[in-house]
Amino acid sequence: MQERTDEPVSYPADVAFPGRIDVHAHCVPAEWQAIPAASAPLLRGFAAWSVPSALEMMDRQGIATAVLSMPFGNGMFADADDVAAARRLARSFNEQLAEVIRSHPDRFGGFACLPLPDVDGALAEIDYTLGTLGLDGVTLLTNANSVYPGDGRLDPVFDELNRRVTVVFLHPTSPACVERASLGYAPPLMEFAFDTTRAVTHLVLSGTLERCPDLRLIVPHAGGAIPYLADRIGLLASRFVPGASERAPAGPKAYFRQLYYDLAISASPHAVASLLQLADPDHILFGSDYPALLEDEIESVTQALVDNPLLQPSDLEIIQRHNALQLFPRIQPPSLTHVGQVAEET
């Protein structure tokens, strides 16, 4: 855990904290925004996204740098069996993302999209995006066409990511049973949090995190239900999951504590209180979820974080900036005095 000083830090007066590093932000290419809502329902309600509009929002909200990712899974635009289409979608997104980063290397980072559950395609994309394109990590979905992280079929992918000491951003999606389980409510309301919990638990109990200790995994939305269920999972796994003690010998809670957690849509006192029982502040990160969250919503969530009585000023600094800089050494944010001035880049 980082040494705490609890000394306030001075920043320009126009924003409360102008140096945030946002690890949960999305890139939405223009051609995707033209897709009918019926074909891409999760885009419904997104703010219109472009590089200039993202920079303007970031400056207004004191965000120095945003690490961008794909906002949803390949399966939305390609048949589950159309491997070639999924590979084309992943490659197209990753190259557009790399171009955004090249145009503003101090303001943007990026997580590569992988065409899972196609293992061969994913391995090729890891080599291309982390090698040739130089992206900052990869995004994995909580399930890819019902194949969850921790499934043995994905072992070659996790072994390669572990070999490369990769930062992995886990993004929620809907489970296969969503139409029955969601009671008709939109998946982001509840199912995203539950699928996050399902995926992380499987990564632990399958032995994947024990086998891949050099992965640096970011779990979104304060871990879904993981902070609340961590002790329950630890208590019951040895009774109900044969072999769990051998595959996860440190016990589930120890693996949960090693992960990183972002606070996108999850900065309220009760959410943070639960997370702080599991993770130290040096494993907690700032996330906006823009443009899935609108700017006024981001401002409200961020204010809740700043006002949270459980967090000291030193906690806020490491959560909003320092921890991300440790994970992403390539990123060199602009000076703190620049951020907060509305960007004029086009």
Protein backbone atom coordinates (compact mmCIF):
# COMPACT_ATOMS: atom_id res chain seq x y z
CA MET A 1 0.00 0.00 0.00
CA GLN A 2 1.20 3.54 -0.77
CA GLU A 3 2.54 5.60 2.14
CA ARG A 4 -0.10 8.09 3.16
CA THR A 5 0.75 11.71 3.88
CA ASP A 6 -2.78 13.17 4.14
CA GLU A 7 -1.36 16.52 3.08
CA PRO A 8 -3.61 18.45 0.67
CA VAL A 9 -2.23 19.03 -2.80
CA SER A 10 -2.62 22.38 -4.58
CA TYR A 11 -4.01 22.47 -8.11
CA PRO A 12 -5.27 25.23 -10.40
CA ALA A 13 -8.46 26.83 -9.10
CA ASP A 14 -10.58 26.15 -12.19
CA VAL A 15 -10.92 22.42 -11.48
CA ALA A 16 -10.79 20.45 -8.24
CA PHE A 17 -8.31 17.85 -9.50
CA PRO A 18 -7.00 18.45 -13.03
CA GLY A 19 -4.79 15.40 -13.33
CA ARG A 20 -7.15 12.44 -13.36
CA ILE A 21 -6.21 9.34 -15.35
CA ASP A 22 -9.39 7.68 -16.59
CA VAL A 23 -9.00 3.91 -17.09
CA HIS A 24 -12.63 3.28 -18.05
CA ALA A 25 -13.52 5.33 -21.12
CA HIS A 26 -14.69 4.23 -24.53
CA CYS A 27 -13.90 5.00 -28.15
CA VAL A 28 -16.94 4.89 -30.44
CA PRO A 29 -15.92 5.24 -34.12
CA ALA A 30 -18.23 7.32 -36.29
CA GLU A 31 -19.47 4.40 -38.38
CA TRP A 32 -20.68 2.63 -35.23
CA GLN A 33 -22.71 5.66 -34.19
CA ALA A 34 -24.69 5.34 -37.43
CA ILE A 35 -25.79 1.77 -36.62
CA PRO A 36 -29.54 1.58 -35.84
CA ALA A 37 -30.36 1.25 -32.16
CA ALA A 38 -32.15 -2.04 -32.81
CA SER A 39 -28.85 -3.56 -34.02
CA ALA A 40 -26.74 -2.07 -31.23
CA PRO A 41 -29.06 -1.47 -28.27
CA LEU A 42 -26.24 -0.77 -25.82
CA LEU A 43 -25.34 2.35 -27.81
CA ARG A 44 -28.76 3.82 -27.02
CA GLY A 45 -28.27 6.83 -24.78
CA PHE A 46 -24.52 7.18 -25.41
CA ALA A 47 -23.21 10.71 -25.78
CA ALA A 48 -22.03 11.46 -29.32
CA TRP A 49 -18.32 10.64 -29.37
CA SER A 50 -15.46 12.22 -31.28
CA VAL A 51 -11.89 13.08 -30.41
CA PRO A 52 -12.63 16.82 -30.03
CA SER A 53 -15.75 16.26 -27.93
CA ALA A 54 -13.92 13.75 -25.72
CA LEU A 55 -11.05 16.19 -25.17
CA GLU A 56 -13.45 19.00 -24.32
CA MET A 57 -15.25 16.83 -21.77
CA MET A 58 -11.94 15.66 -20.31
CA ASP A 59 -10.70 19.23 -19.86
CA ARG A 60 -13.93 20.31 -18.19
CA GLN A 61 -13.79 17.32 -15.83
CA GLY A 62 -10.10 17.53 -15.00
CA ILE A 63 -9.14 14.34 -16.84
CA ALA A 64 -5.56 14.48 -18.09
CA THR A 65 -5.55 11.17 -19.97
CA ALA A 66 -8.18 8.54 -20.84
CA VAL A 67 -7.35 4.92 -21.61
CA LEU A 68 -9.91 4.01 -24.28
CA SER A 69 -11.55 0.66 -24.93
CA MET A 70 -14.26 -0.92 -27.05
CA PRO A 71 -17.64 -0.37 -25.38
CA PHE A 72 -19.19 -3.74 -26.22
CA GLY A 73 -18.48 -7.16 -27.65
CA ASN A 74 -17.79 -8.48 -31.12
CA GLY A 75 -20.91 -10.61 -31.10
CA MET A 76 -23.12 -7.56 -31.51
CA PHE A 77 -22.03 -7.12 -35.11
CA ALA A 78 -20.98 -10.59 -36.20
CA ASP A 79 -22.49 -14.02 -36.02
CA ALA A 80 -20.90 -16.04 -33.24
CA ASP A 81 -19.52 -18.47 -35.80
CA ASP A 82 -18.20 -15.82 -38.22
CA VAL A 83 -14.56 -15.85 -37.17
CA ALA A 84 -13.40 -13.77 -40.12
CA ALA A 85 -15.91 -10.99 -39.37
CA ALA A 86 -14.90 -10.86 -35.71
CA ARG A 87 -11.22 -10.63 -36.69
CA ARG A 88 -11.97 -7.78 -39.13
CA LEU A 89 -13.96 -5.89 -36.49
CA ALA A 90 -11.21 -6.24 -33.90
CA ARG A 91 -8.48 -5.18 -36.34
CA SER A 92 -10.49 -2.20 -37.60
CA PHE A 93 -11.20 -0.97 -34.08
CA ASN A 94 -7.63 -1.44 -32.90
CA GLU A 95 -6.14 0.45 -35.84
CA GLN A 96 -8.57 3.33 -35.36
CA LEU A 97 -7.74 3.37 -31.66
CA ALA A 98 -4.02 3.48 -32.41
CA GLU A 99 -4.59 6.44 -34.72
CA VAL A 100 -6.44 8.33 -31.97
CA ILE A 101 -3.51 7.72 -29.61
CA ARG A 102 -0.94 8.78 -32.24
CA SER A 103 -2.80 12.05 -32.72
CA HIS A 104 -2.82 12.83 -28.97
CA PRO A 105 -0.32 10.55 -27.21
CA ASP A 106 -0.43 12.46 -23.92
CA ARG A 107 -4.24 12.52 -23.75
CA PHE A 108 -5.17 8.97 -24.76
CA GLY A 109 -4.10 5.39 -24.14
CA GLY A 110 -5.83 2.29 -25.37
CA PHE A 111 -6.86 -1.29 -24.65
CA ALA A 112 -6.86 -3.62 -27.65
CA CYS A 113 -9.99 -5.53 -28.60
CA LEU A 114 -9.54 -9.30 -29.10
CA PRO A 115 -11.78 -11.47 -31.34
CA LEU A 116 -12.53 -14.04 -28.63
CA PRO A 117 -13.47 -16.83 -28.30
CA ASP A 118 -11.29 -17.30 -31.42
CA VAL A 119 -8.01 -18.19 -29.68
CA ASP A 120 -5.79 -18.14 -32.78
CA GLY A 121 -7.22 -14.77 -33.83
CA ALA A 122 -6.77 -13.40 -30.31
CA LEU A 123 -3.13 -14.48 -30.14
CA ALA A 124 -2.43 -12.84 -33.49
CA GLU A 125 -4.15 -9.65 -32.34
CA ILE A 126 -2.19 -9.60 -29.07
CA ASP A 127 1.06 -9.78 -31.03
CA TYR A 128 -0.03 -7.06 -33.46
CA THR A 129 -1.59 -4.63 -31.00
CA LEU A 130 0.92 -4.89 -28.17
CA GLY A 131 3.87 -5.21 -30.51
CA THR A 132 3.32 -3.32 -33.76
CA LEU A 133 0.68 -0.84 -32.60
CA GLY A 134 2.07 -0.40 -29.08
CA LEU A 135 -1.30 -0.29 -27.31
CA ASP A 136 -1.31 -0.20 -23.52
CA GLY A 137 -3.15 -3.44 -22.73
CA VAL A 138 -6.15 -5.48 -23.80
CA THR A 139 -9.86 -5.58 -23.08
CA LEU A 140 -11.50 -8.89 -22.21
CA LEU A 141 -15.24 -9.25 -21.92
CA THR A 142 -16.81 -10.98 -18.93
CA ASN A 143 -17.87 -13.59 -21.47
CA ALA A 144 -17.31 -14.01 -25.20
CA ASN A 145 -20.27 -15.85 -26.67
CA SER A 146 -20.71 -17.58 -23.29
CA VAL A 147 -17.02 -18.56 -22.97
CA TYR A 148 -15.83 -17.03 -19.69
CA PRO A 149 -12.32 -15.98 -18.67
CA GLY A 150 -10.97 -18.99 -16.80
CA ASP A 151 -12.36 -21.46 -19.34
CA GLY A 152 -9.58 -23.88 -20.26
CA ARG A 153 -10.08 -23.12 -23.95
CA LEU A 154 -8.70 -19.63 -23.29
CA ASP A 155 -5.56 -20.80 -21.45
CA PRO A 156 -3.20 -19.99 -24.37
CA VAL A 157 -4.51 -16.41 -24.41
CA PHE A 158 -4.03 -15.93 -20.68
CA ASP A 159 -0.60 -17.54 -20.77
CA GLU A 160 0.51 -15.12 -23.47
CA LEU A 161 -0.93 -12.12 -21.64
CA ASN A 162 0.81 -13.26 -18.47
CA ARG A 163 4.12 -13.69 -20.35
CA ARG A 164 3.84 -10.12 -21.57
CA VAL A 165 2.89 -8.79 -18.08
CA THR A 166 -0.20 -7.26 -19.67
CA VAL A 167 -2.68 -4.83 -18.15
CA VAL A 168 -6.07 -6.45 -18.80
CA PHE A 169 -9.27 -4.42 -18.59
CA LEU A 170 -12.28 -6.62 -17.91
CA HIS A 171 -15.45 -5.13 -19.36
CA PRO A 172 -18.94 -6.41 -18.55
CA THR A 173 -21.37 -7.77 -21.09
CA SER A 174 -24.61 -9.72 -20.88
CA PRO A 175 -24.76 -13.41 -19.97
CA ALA A 176 -26.38 -15.85 -22.38
CA CYS A 177 -29.40 -16.11 -20.09
CA VAL A 178 -29.98 -12.35 -20.00
CA GLU A 179 -33.46 -12.44 -21.52
CA ARG A 180 -34.68 -14.70 -18.70
CA ALA A 181 -32.55 -13.39 -15.85
CA SER A 182 -32.90 -9.63 -16.39
CA LEU A 183 -36.69 -9.48 -15.87
CA GLY A 184 -36.83 -7.23 -18.89
CA TYR A 185 -34.53 -4.56 -17.47
CA ALA A 186 -31.61 -3.26 -19.52
CA PRO A 187 -28.46 -5.35 -18.81
CA PRO A 188 -26.35 -2.43 -17.51
CA LEU A 189 -28.81 -2.02 -14.64
CA MET A 190 -27.91 -5.30 -12.89
CA GLU A 191 -26.59 -8.00 -15.23
CA PHE A 192 -23.29 -6.26 -16.01
CA ALA A 193 -22.38 -6.26 -12.32
CA PHE A 194 -23.43 -9.88 -11.90
CA ASP A 195 -21.52 -11.04 -14.98
CA THR A 196 -18.43 -9.23 -13.71
CA THR A 197 -18.76 -11.14 -10.45
CA ARG A 198 -19.20 -14.42 -12.33
CA ALA A 199 -16.14 -13.85 -14.53
CA VAL A 200 -13.79 -12.81 -11.72
CA THR A 201 -14.87 -15.69 -9.51
CA HIS A 202 -14.23 -18.14 -12.35
CA LEU A 203 -10.77 -16.67 -12.96
CA VAL A 204 -9.95 -17.39 -9.32
CA LEU A 205 -11.57 -20.80 -8.84
CA SER A 206 -10.35 -22.14 -12.20
CA GLY A 207 -6.77 -21.51 -11.09
CA THR A 208 -6.11 -19.00 -13.89
CA LEU A 209 -4.93 -16.23 -11.57
CA GLU A 210 -2.70 -18.65 -9.65
CA ARG A 211 -1.17 -19.81 -12.95
CA CYS A 212 -0.84 -16.26 -14.33
CA PRO A 213 0.50 -14.13 -11.47
CA ASP A 214 1.87 -11.39 -13.72
CA LEU A 215 -1.48 -10.35 -15.15
CA ARG A 216 -2.59 -6.93 -13.95
CA LEU A 217 -6.36 -7.15 -14.09
CA ILE A 218 -8.65 -4.11 -13.78
CA VAL A 219 -12.17 -5.02 -12.67
CA PRO A 220 -14.83 -2.37 -13.46
CA HIS A 221 -17.53 -0.77 -11.35
CA ALA A 222 -15.92 -1.43 -7.96
CA GLY A 223 -15.88 -5.16 -8.67
CA GLY A 224 -19.59 -5.73 -9.19
CA ALA A 225 -20.74 -7.87 -6.25
CA ILE A 226 -17.25 -9.23 -5.50
CA PRO A 227 -16.59 -7.05 -2.41
CA TYR A 228 -19.88 -8.14 -0.87
CA LEU A 229 -19.49 -11.82 -1.78
CA ALA A 230 -15.74 -12.27 -1.23
CA ASP A 231 -16.01 -13.84 2.21
CA ARG A 232 -18.97 -16.00 1.18
CA ILE A 233 -17.08 -17.31 -1.86
CA GLY A 234 -14.02 -18.00 0.27
CA LEU A 235 -16.02 -19.79 2.93
CA LEU A 236 -18.04 -22.02 0.61
CA ALA A 237 -15.68 -22.71 -2.30
CA SER A 238 -13.80 -25.47 -0.49
CA ARG A 239 -17.09 -27.27 0.22
CA PHE A 240 -18.86 -26.84 -3.10
CA VAL A 241 -16.07 -26.54 -5.70
CA PRO A 242 -13.99 -29.71 -5.93
CA GLY A 243 -10.30 -28.93 -6.36
CA ALA A 244 -10.68 -25.22 -5.53
CA SER A 245 -8.14 -25.42 -2.71
CA GLU A 246 -5.52 -26.84 -5.09
CA ARG A 247 -6.27 -24.41 -7.94
CA ALA A 248 -6.47 -21.34 -5.68
CA PRO A 249 -4.30 -22.32 -2.70
CA ALA A 250 -4.11 -18.80 -1.25
CA GLY A 251 -7.90 -18.69 -0.89
CA PRO A 252 -10.27 -16.64 -3.10
CA LYS A 253 -10.05 -13.43 -1.07
CA ALA A 254 -6.28 -13.23 -1.49
CA TYR A 255 -6.66 -13.27 -5.29
CA PHE A 256 -9.46 -10.71 -5.19
CA ARG A 257 -7.21 -8.41 -3.18
CA GLN A 258 -4.48 -8.55 -5.84
CA LEU A 259 -6.77 -7.11 -8.53
CA TYR A 260 -7.35 -3.49 -9.46
CA TYR A 261 -10.82 -1.96 -9.32
CA ASP A 262 -12.16 1.11 -11.09
CA LEU A 263 -14.89 3.31 -9.64
CA ALA A 264 -16.92 4.01 -12.78
CA ILE A 265 -20.55 4.55 -11.67
CA SER A 266 -19.44 3.24 -8.25
CA ALA A 267 -18.04 6.09 -6.15
CA SER A 268 -20.86 6.38 -3.60
CA PRO A 269 -19.95 5.98 0.09
CA HIS A 270 -21.63 2.56 0.43
CA ALA A 271 -19.95 1.18 -2.73
CA VAL A 272 -16.53 2.50 -1.72
CA ALA A 273 -16.96 1.32 1.87
CA SER A 274 -17.53 -2.24 0.66
CA LEU A 275 -14.58 -2.09 -1.75
CA LEU A 276 -12.22 -0.73 0.92
CA GLN A 277 -12.88 -3.86 2.98
CA LEU A 278 -11.32 -5.84 0.12
CA ALA A 279 -8.85 -3.59 -1.70
CA ASP A 280 -6.37 -0.99 -0.50
CA PRO A 281 -6.51 2.48 -2.09
CA ASP A 282 -3.39 1.63 -4.12
CA HIS A 283 -5.49 -0.89 -6.09
CA ILE A 284 -8.37 1.47 -6.86
CA LEU A 285 -8.59 3.57 -10.04
CA PHE A 286 -10.66 6.40 -11.47
CA GLY A 287 -13.08 5.65 -14.30
CA SER A 288 -15.68 7.80 -16.05
CA ASP A 289 -17.42 5.32 -18.40
CA TYR A 290 -17.74 8.11 -20.96
CA PRO A 291 -19.67 8.21 -23.31
CA ALA A 292 -21.90 5.49 -21.82
CA LEU A 293 -22.29 7.95 -18.96
CA LEU A 294 -23.21 11.52 -19.88
CA GLU A 295 -21.06 14.38 -18.68
CA ASP A 296 -23.43 15.61 -15.98
CA GLU A 297 -23.60 12.04 -14.64
CA ILE A 298 -19.80 11.80 -14.64
CA GLU A 299 -19.59 15.09 -12.78
CA SER A 300 -22.03 13.81 -10.15
CA VAL A 301 -20.16 10.52 -9.68
CA THR A 302 -16.81 12.31 -9.49
CA GLN A 303 -18.13 14.76 -6.91
CA ALA A 304 -19.33 11.83 -4.82
CA LEU A 305 -15.80 10.44 -4.96
CA VAL A 306 -14.21 13.74 -3.94
CA ASP A 307 -16.71 14.20 -1.10
CA ASN A 308 -16.41 10.62 0.17
CA PRO A 309 -15.62 10.85 3.91
CA LEU A 310 -13.84 7.49 3.82
CA LEU A 311 -11.04 8.80 1.59
CA GLN A 312 -8.19 11.05 2.68
CA PRO A 313 -6.66 13.60 0.26
CA SER A 314 -3.72 11.27 -0.29
CA ASP A 315 -6.12 8.43 -1.12
CA LEU A 316 -7.85 10.61 -3.70
CA GLU A 317 -4.58 11.50 -5.37
CA ILE A 318 -3.39 7.92 -5.74
CA ILE A 319 -6.84 6.72 -6.87
CA GLN A 320 -7.35 9.46 -9.42
CA ARG A 321 -3.83 9.57 -10.83
CA HIS A 322 -0.88 7.81 -9.24
CA ASN A 323 -2.06 4.20 -9.45
CA ALA A 324 -2.80 4.46 -13.17
CA LEU A 325 0.61 5.99 -13.87
CA GLN A 326 2.20 2.97 -12.20
CA LEU A 327 0.23 0.63 -14.48
CA PHE A 328 0.83 2.59 -17.69
CA PRO A 329 4.43 3.83 -17.79
CA ARG A 330 4.10 4.85 -21.46
CA ILE A 331 1.52 7.49 -20.62
CA GLN A 332 2.97 10.92 -19.97
CA PRO A 333 0.01 13.16 -19.12
CA PRO A 334 0.05 16.86 -19.98
CA SER A 335 1.08 19.26 -17.26
CA LEU A 336 -1.47 19.81 -14.54
CA THR A 337 -1.72 23.50 -15.39
CA HIS A 338 -2.90 22.65 -18.93
CA VAL A 339 -5.73 20.35 -18.01
CA GLY A 340 -8.92 22.24 -17.26
CA GLN A 341 -8.60 24.49 -20.28
CA VAL A 342 -11.07 23.35 -22.94
CA ALA A 343 -9.14 21.68 -25.75
CA GLU A 344 -9.07 23.29 -29.17
CA GLU A 345 -7.63 20.28 -30.99
CA THR A 346 -9.58 19.05 -33.96
